[in-house]
Amino acid sequence: MPLSEHEQRLLEQMEQALYAEDPKFATSLRSTSGGRASRGRAALGILVLITGVAMLMGGVIVPLIPLGVAGFVIMTIGATLAYLGLRSRPAAPAETADGAPETPHGGGQRAPKQSSGFMNNLEDRWRKRRDQGM
């Protein structure tokens, strides 16, 4: 059932308000076809995987080594296809107001990795041991 003109205008106003209030969140909600998993590719991968397993078993039952090797290769290709089909792709990076891609830490610099308390304790012990030895 299509939306009426009034409902479409309300929806557009709500969308504009969301972009004005929190553009990063609004961009993350934008749906893109590239960001979803491909069921067709996953189904094809599973069918290829099953075919490869059948060929591998056939190569084992009837002692034909090339058939078993081909089955293993096809099985590996099928598993890869299924994995890539089920894995969802990351969303496109958010853009700033001027159209440039937004970087999380600015300037391409990475935030310093904070070490855990355990690692800090180990480093402190190492420094004390080294200082006492000198």
N, C-alpha and C. Protein backbone atom coordinates (compact mmCIF):
# COMPACT_ATOMS: atom_id res chain seq x y z
N MET A 1 0.85 -1.17 0.00
CA MET A 1 0.00 0.00 0.00
C MET A 1 0.90 1.24 0.00
N PRO A 2 0.79 2.07 -1.03
CA PRO A 2 1.66 3.25 -1.11
C PRO A 2 1.26 4.31 -0.09
N LEU A 3 2.25 5.14 0.25
CA LEU A 3 2.00 6.21 1.21
C LEU A 3 1.32 7.38 0.52
N SER A 4 0.49 8.08 1.28
CA SER A 4 -0.15 9.28 0.74
C SER A 4 0.88 10.40 0.67
N GLU A 5 0.53 11.49 -0.02
CA GLU A 5 1.45 12.62 -0.14
C GLU A 5 1.79 13.21 1.23
N HIS A 6 0.78 13.28 2.08
CA HIS A 6 0.99 13.83 3.43
C HIS A 6 1.98 12.95 4.21
N GLU A 7 1.81 11.63 4.13
CA GLU A 7 2.70 10.72 4.82
C GLU A 7 4.11 10.78 4.25
N GLN A 8 4.23 10.92 2.93
CA GLN A 8 5.55 11.04 2.32
C GLN A 8 6.25 12.31 2.76
N ARG A 9 5.51 13.44 2.84
CA ARG A 9 6.10 14.68 3.31
C ARG A 9 6.56 14.56 4.75
N LEU A 10 5.72 13.94 5.59
CA LEU A 10 6.10 13.73 6.99
C LEU A 10 7.36 12.88 7.10
N LEU A 11 7.41 11.84 6.31
CA LEU A 11 8.58 10.96 6.32
C LEU A 11 9.83 11.72 5.88
N GLU A 12 9.71 12.54 4.85
CA GLU A 12 10.86 13.32 4.40
C GLU A 12 11.30 14.32 5.45
N GLN A 13 10.34 14.95 6.15
CA GLN A 13 10.68 15.90 7.21
C GLN A 13 11.39 15.18 8.36
N MET A 14 10.90 13.99 8.71
CA MET A 14 11.55 13.23 9.78
C MET A 14 12.97 12.84 9.37
N GLU A 15 13.14 12.45 8.11
CA GLU A 15 14.47 12.08 7.62
C GLU A 15 15.41 13.27 7.65
N GLN A 16 14.94 14.44 7.21
CA GLN A 16 15.77 15.65 7.23
C GLN A 16 16.14 16.03 8.66
N ALA A 17 15.19 15.88 9.58
CA ALA A 17 15.47 16.20 10.98
C ALA A 17 16.51 15.24 11.55
N LEU A 18 16.43 13.98 11.16
CA LEU A 18 17.41 13.00 11.63
C LEU A 18 18.79 13.33 11.10
N TYR A 19 18.90 13.67 9.82
CA TYR A 19 20.19 14.05 9.25
C TYR A 19 20.74 15.30 9.91
N ALA A 20 19.87 16.25 10.24
CA ALA A 20 20.33 17.49 10.88
C ALA A 20 20.79 17.21 12.31
N GLU A 21 20.09 16.33 13.00
CA GLU A 21 20.41 16.06 14.41
C GLU A 21 21.63 15.17 14.57
N ASP A 22 21.68 14.09 13.83
CA ASP A 22 22.79 13.13 13.96
C ASP A 22 23.13 12.55 12.59
N PRO A 23 23.95 13.26 11.80
CA PRO A 23 24.23 12.79 10.44
C PRO A 23 24.99 11.46 10.39
N LYS A 24 25.84 11.21 11.37
CA LYS A 24 26.61 9.96 11.37
C LYS A 24 25.68 8.76 11.55
N PHE A 25 24.74 8.87 12.49
CA PHE A 25 23.78 7.79 12.72
C PHE A 25 22.87 7.62 11.51
N ALA A 26 22.43 8.72 10.93
CA ALA A 26 21.54 8.65 9.77
C ALA A 26 22.24 7.98 8.59
N THR A 27 23.52 8.28 8.40
CA THR A 27 24.27 7.66 7.32
C THR A 27 24.42 6.16 7.55
N SER A 28 24.60 5.78 8.81
CA SER A 28 24.76 4.35 9.10
C SER A 28 23.45 3.59 8.87
N LEU A 29 22.32 4.28 8.96
CA LEU A 29 21.04 3.63 8.73
C LEU A 29 20.68 3.54 7.26
N ARG A 30 21.36 4.31 6.43
CA ARG A 30 21.06 4.30 5.01
C ARG A 30 21.31 2.90 4.47
N SER A 31 20.31 2.34 3.83
CA SER A 31 20.45 0.97 3.35
C SER A 31 21.06 0.98 1.96
N THR A 32 22.01 0.09 1.76
CA THR A 32 22.63 -0.09 0.45
C THR A 32 22.59 -1.57 0.12
N SER A 33 22.43 -1.88 -1.14
CA SER A 33 22.36 -3.29 -1.53
C SER A 33 23.69 -3.99 -1.34
N GLY A 34 24.82 -3.25 -1.39
CA GLY A 34 26.13 -3.86 -1.23
C GLY A 34 26.43 -4.25 0.20
N GLY A 35 25.66 -3.77 1.17
CA GLY A 35 25.96 -4.04 2.56
C GLY A 35 25.30 -5.27 3.11
N ARG A 36 24.52 -5.94 2.32
CA ARG A 36 23.79 -7.12 2.82
C ARG A 36 24.40 -8.39 2.27
N ALA A 37 24.14 -9.46 2.98
CA ALA A 37 24.64 -10.76 2.54
C ALA A 37 23.84 -11.22 1.32
N SER A 38 24.46 -11.96 0.44
CA SER A 38 23.84 -12.45 -0.77
C SER A 38 23.39 -13.89 -0.56
N ARG A 39 22.09 -14.09 -0.46
CA ARG A 39 21.57 -15.44 -0.24
C ARG A 39 21.78 -16.32 -1.45
N GLY A 40 21.67 -15.74 -2.64
CA GLY A 40 21.86 -16.52 -3.87
C GLY A 40 23.27 -17.07 -3.97
N ARG A 41 24.25 -16.23 -3.65
CA ARG A 41 25.64 -16.68 -3.69
C ARG A 41 25.89 -17.75 -2.64
N ALA A 42 25.27 -17.59 -1.47
CA ALA A 42 25.44 -18.59 -0.42
C ALA A 42 24.81 -19.92 -0.82
N ALA A 43 23.63 -19.86 -1.44
CA ALA A 43 22.96 -21.09 -1.88
C ALA A 43 23.78 -21.79 -2.97
N LEU A 44 24.32 -21.01 -3.90
CA LEU A 44 25.17 -21.60 -4.93
C LEU A 44 26.41 -22.22 -4.31
N GLY A 45 26.99 -21.55 -3.34
CA GLY A 45 28.17 -22.09 -2.67
C GLY A 45 27.88 -23.40 -1.96
N ILE A 46 26.72 -23.49 -1.32
CA ILE A 46 26.36 -24.73 -0.62
C ILE A 46 26.14 -25.86 -1.62
N LEU A 47 25.49 -25.56 -2.76
CA LEU A 47 25.30 -26.60 -3.78
C LEU A 47 26.65 -27.07 -4.35
N VAL A 48 27.56 -26.13 -4.61
CA VAL A 48 28.88 -26.50 -5.10
C VAL A 48 29.63 -27.31 -4.04
N LEU A 49 29.49 -26.92 -2.78
CA LEU A 49 30.12 -27.65 -1.68
C LEU A 49 29.62 -29.09 -1.62
N ILE A 50 28.32 -29.28 -1.72
CA ILE A 50 27.75 -30.63 -1.67
C ILE A 50 28.22 -31.45 -2.88
N THR A 51 28.28 -30.81 -4.05
CA THR A 51 28.79 -31.51 -5.24
C THR A 51 30.24 -31.93 -5.04
N GLY A 52 31.04 -31.04 -4.46
CA GLY A 52 32.44 -31.36 -4.21
C GLY A 52 32.61 -32.51 -3.23
N VAL A 53 31.77 -32.53 -2.19
CA VAL A 53 31.83 -33.63 -1.21
C VAL A 53 31.46 -34.95 -1.89
N ALA A 54 30.42 -34.90 -2.74
CA ALA A 54 30.02 -36.13 -3.44
C ALA A 54 31.14 -36.62 -4.36
N MET A 55 31.80 -35.69 -5.05
CA MET A 55 32.91 -36.10 -5.92
C MET A 55 34.07 -36.65 -5.11
N LEU A 56 34.35 -36.02 -3.97
CA LEU A 56 35.43 -36.51 -3.11
C LEU A 56 35.13 -37.91 -2.61
N MET A 57 33.90 -38.13 -2.17
CA MET A 57 33.53 -39.47 -1.70
C MET A 57 33.56 -40.48 -2.83
N GLY A 58 33.12 -40.06 -4.02
CA GLY A 58 33.19 -40.96 -5.18
C GLY A 58 34.62 -41.32 -5.51
N GLY A 59 35.52 -40.37 -5.39
CA GLY A 59 36.94 -40.64 -5.65
C GLY A 59 37.54 -41.57 -4.63
N VAL A 60 37.00 -41.57 -3.40
CA VAL A 60 37.50 -42.46 -2.36
C VAL A 60 36.92 -43.86 -2.54
N ILE A 61 35.64 -43.92 -2.85
CA ILE A 61 34.97 -45.22 -3.00
C ILE A 61 35.52 -45.96 -4.22
N VAL A 62 35.49 -45.30 -5.37
CA VAL A 62 36.09 -45.86 -6.58
C VAL A 62 37.50 -45.27 -6.62
N PRO A 63 38.50 -46.08 -6.46
CA PRO A 63 39.84 -45.51 -6.29
C PRO A 63 40.32 -44.70 -7.51
N LEU A 64 39.78 -43.48 -7.64
CA LEU A 64 40.21 -42.56 -8.69
C LEU A 64 40.74 -41.30 -8.00
N ILE A 65 42.03 -41.19 -7.89
CA ILE A 65 42.64 -40.07 -7.19
C ILE A 65 42.32 -38.73 -7.86
N PRO A 66 42.34 -38.62 -9.19
CA PRO A 66 42.01 -37.32 -9.80
C PRO A 66 40.58 -36.86 -9.48
N LEU A 67 39.64 -37.80 -9.41
CA LEU A 67 38.26 -37.45 -9.06
C LEU A 67 38.19 -36.94 -7.62
N GLY A 68 38.91 -37.55 -6.71
CA GLY A 68 38.93 -37.10 -5.32
C GLY A 68 39.57 -35.73 -5.17
N VAL A 69 40.67 -35.51 -5.91
CA VAL A 69 41.34 -34.21 -5.85
C VAL A 69 40.43 -33.13 -6.44
N ALA A 70 39.79 -33.42 -7.56
CA ALA A 70 38.86 -32.45 -8.16
C ALA A 70 37.70 -32.17 -7.21
N GLY A 71 37.20 -33.21 -6.54
CA GLY A 71 36.14 -33.02 -5.58
C GLY A 71 36.56 -32.12 -4.42
N PHE A 72 37.79 -32.30 -3.96
CA PHE A 72 38.29 -31.46 -2.87
C PHE A 72 38.40 -30.00 -3.31
N VAL A 73 38.90 -29.79 -4.52
CA VAL A 73 39.04 -28.42 -5.04
C VAL A 73 37.66 -27.78 -5.18
N ILE A 74 36.71 -28.49 -5.74
CA ILE A 74 35.36 -27.97 -5.91
C ILE A 74 34.71 -27.73 -4.55
N MET A 75 34.94 -28.61 -3.61
CA MET A 75 34.41 -28.44 -2.26
C MET A 75 34.98 -27.17 -1.62
N THR A 76 36.24 -26.91 -1.80
CA THR A 76 36.87 -25.70 -1.24
C THR A 76 36.29 -24.44 -1.89
N ILE A 77 36.09 -24.47 -3.20
CA ILE A 77 35.49 -23.33 -3.89
C ILE A 77 34.07 -23.09 -3.40
N GLY A 78 33.31 -24.16 -3.21
CA GLY A 78 31.95 -24.03 -2.71
C GLY A 78 31.90 -23.46 -1.31
N ALA A 79 32.81 -23.90 -0.45
CA ALA A 79 32.85 -23.37 0.91
C ALA A 79 33.20 -21.89 0.90
N THR A 80 34.12 -21.49 0.03
CA THR A 80 34.48 -20.07 -0.07
C THR A 80 33.31 -19.25 -0.58
N LEU A 81 32.61 -19.73 -1.58
CA LEU A 81 31.43 -19.03 -2.09
C LEU A 81 30.36 -18.88 -1.02
N ALA A 82 30.12 -19.94 -0.27
CA ALA A 82 29.11 -19.89 0.78
C ALA A 82 29.52 -18.90 1.86
N TYR A 83 30.78 -18.90 2.23
CA TYR A 83 31.26 -17.97 3.25
C TYR A 83 31.11 -16.53 2.80
N LEU A 84 31.54 -16.25 1.58
CA LEU A 84 31.44 -14.88 1.06
C LEU A 84 30.00 -14.45 0.87
N GLY A 85 29.12 -15.39 0.57
CA GLY A 85 27.71 -15.06 0.40
C GLY A 85 27.01 -14.78 1.72
N LEU A 86 27.43 -15.45 2.78
CA LEU A 86 26.79 -15.26 4.08
C LEU A 86 27.37 -14.11 4.86
N ARG A 87 28.59 -13.73 4.54
CA ARG A 87 29.25 -12.64 5.26
C ARG A 87 28.70 -11.32 4.75
N SER A 88 28.26 -10.46 5.66
CA SER A 88 27.78 -9.16 5.24
C SER A 88 28.95 -8.23 5.05
N ARG A 89 28.85 -7.40 4.04
CA ARG A 89 29.93 -6.47 3.73
C ARG A 89 29.84 -5.26 4.62
N PRO A 90 30.97 -4.64 4.93
CA PRO A 90 30.92 -3.44 5.76
C PRO A 90 30.25 -2.29 5.03
N ALA A 91 29.63 -1.41 5.81
CA ALA A 91 28.96 -0.26 5.23
C ALA A 91 29.99 0.70 4.66
N ALA A 92 29.54 1.51 3.72
CA ALA A 92 30.43 2.51 3.12
C ALA A 92 30.81 3.53 4.18
N PRO A 93 32.02 4.09 4.10
CA PRO A 93 32.43 5.07 5.10
C PRO A 93 31.58 6.32 5.02
N ALA A 94 31.34 6.91 6.18
CA ALA A 94 30.54 8.12 6.26
C ALA A 94 31.30 9.28 5.65
N GLU A 95 30.56 10.25 5.12
CA GLU A 95 31.19 11.41 4.52
C GLU A 95 30.89 12.64 5.36
N THR A 96 31.81 13.58 5.34
CA THR A 96 31.61 14.84 6.04
C THR A 96 30.77 15.76 5.17
N ALA A 97 30.47 16.95 5.65
CA ALA A 97 29.62 17.88 4.93
C ALA A 97 30.24 18.30 3.59
N ASP A 98 31.56 18.34 3.49
CA ASP A 98 32.19 18.75 2.24
C ASP A 98 32.38 17.59 1.26
N GLY A 99 31.90 16.39 1.61
CA GLY A 99 31.94 15.24 0.72
C GLY A 99 33.17 14.37 0.89
N ALA A 100 34.07 14.76 1.77
CA ALA A 100 35.28 13.96 2.01
C ALA A 100 34.96 12.82 2.95
N PRO A 101 35.61 11.67 2.80
CA PRO A 101 35.36 10.57 3.72
C PRO A 101 35.77 10.94 5.13
N GLU A 102 34.94 10.54 6.06
CA GLU A 102 35.19 10.88 7.47
C GLU A 102 36.14 9.86 8.07
N THR A 103 37.17 10.32 8.74
CA THR A 103 38.11 9.43 9.41
C THR A 103 37.82 9.45 10.90
N PRO A 104 37.84 8.30 11.56
CA PRO A 104 37.46 8.26 12.96
C PRO A 104 38.40 9.01 13.89
N HIS A 105 39.71 9.07 13.56
CA HIS A 105 40.66 9.71 14.47
C HIS A 105 41.30 10.95 13.86
N GLY A 106 40.79 11.39 12.71
CA GLY A 106 41.27 12.62 12.09
C GLY A 106 42.68 12.50 11.56
N GLY A 107 42.88 12.93 10.33
CA GLY A 107 44.22 12.99 9.77
C GLY A 107 44.84 11.65 9.47
N GLY A 108 44.09 10.58 9.50
CA GLY A 108 44.64 9.27 9.21
C GLY A 108 45.50 8.71 10.32
N GLN A 109 45.54 9.38 11.46
CA GLN A 109 46.35 8.87 12.56
C GLN A 109 45.52 7.90 13.37
N ARG A 110 46.16 6.88 13.85
CA ARG A 110 45.47 5.90 14.68
C ARG A 110 45.55 6.33 16.13
N ALA A 111 44.49 6.04 16.85
CA ALA A 111 44.48 6.36 18.27
C ALA A 111 45.45 5.41 18.97
N PRO A 112 46.16 5.87 19.97
CA PRO A 112 47.07 4.97 20.67
C PRO A 112 46.30 3.86 21.34
N LYS A 113 46.82 2.67 21.18
CA LYS A 113 46.16 1.51 21.77
C LYS A 113 46.45 1.47 23.26
N GLN A 114 45.39 1.39 24.04
CA GLN A 114 45.58 1.36 25.48
C GLN A 114 45.76 -0.09 25.91
N SER A 115 46.81 -0.31 26.68
CA SER A 115 47.07 -1.67 27.13
C SER A 115 46.30 -1.94 28.41
N SER A 116 46.08 -3.18 28.65
CA SER A 116 45.30 -3.58 29.83
C SER A 116 46.14 -3.45 31.10
N GLY A 117 45.51 -3.57 32.21
CA GLY A 117 46.21 -3.49 33.49
C GLY A 117 47.23 -4.60 33.64
N PHE A 118 46.92 -5.77 33.10
CA PHE A 118 47.84 -6.89 33.18
C PHE A 118 49.14 -6.57 32.45
N MET A 119 49.01 -6.02 31.25
CA MET A 119 50.21 -5.67 30.48
C MET A 119 50.98 -4.56 31.16
N ASN A 120 50.29 -3.60 31.74
CA ASN A 120 50.98 -2.54 32.48
C ASN A 120 51.78 -3.12 33.64
N ASN A 121 51.18 -4.07 34.36
CA ASN A 121 51.88 -4.72 35.47
C ASN A 121 53.13 -5.45 34.99
N LEU A 122 53.02 -6.16 33.89
CA LEU A 122 54.17 -6.88 33.36
C LEU A 122 55.28 -5.92 32.95
N GLU A 123 54.88 -4.81 32.30
CA GLU A 123 55.89 -3.84 31.89
C GLU A 123 56.56 -3.21 33.11
N ASP A 124 55.79 -2.91 34.14
CA ASP A 124 56.37 -2.34 35.36
C ASP A 124 57.36 -3.32 36.01
N ARG A 125 56.99 -4.60 36.07
CA ARG A 125 57.88 -5.60 36.64
C ARG A 125 59.17 -5.69 35.83
N TRP A 126 59.05 -5.65 34.51
CA TRP A 126 60.22 -5.74 33.65
C TRP A 126 61.14 -4.55 33.88
N ARG A 127 60.56 -3.36 33.95
CA ARG A 127 61.36 -2.17 34.19
C ARG A 127 62.07 -2.23 35.54
N LYS A 128 61.36 -2.67 36.58
CA LYS A 128 61.98 -2.78 37.92
C LYS A 128 63.11 -3.79 37.90
N ARG A 129 62.88 -4.92 37.27
CA ARG A 129 63.91 -5.96 37.19
C ARG A 129 65.13 -5.45 36.44
N ARG A 130 64.91 -4.74 35.35
CA ARG A 130 66.01 -4.21 34.56
C ARG A 130 66.76 -3.12 35.31
N ASP A 131 66.02 -2.26 36.04
CA ASP A 131 66.66 -1.18 36.81
C ASP A 131 67.46 -1.74 37.98
N GLN A 132 66.97 -2.79 38.63
CA GLN A 132 67.68 -3.37 39.77
C GLN A 132 68.94 -4.10 39.32
N GLY A 133 68.92 -4.66 38.14
CA GLY A 133 70.05 -5.40 37.64
C GLY A 133 71.21 -4.49 37.24
N MET A 134 70.94 -3.24 36.93
CA MET A 134 72.00 -2.34 36.48
C MET A 134 72.66 -1.67 37.58
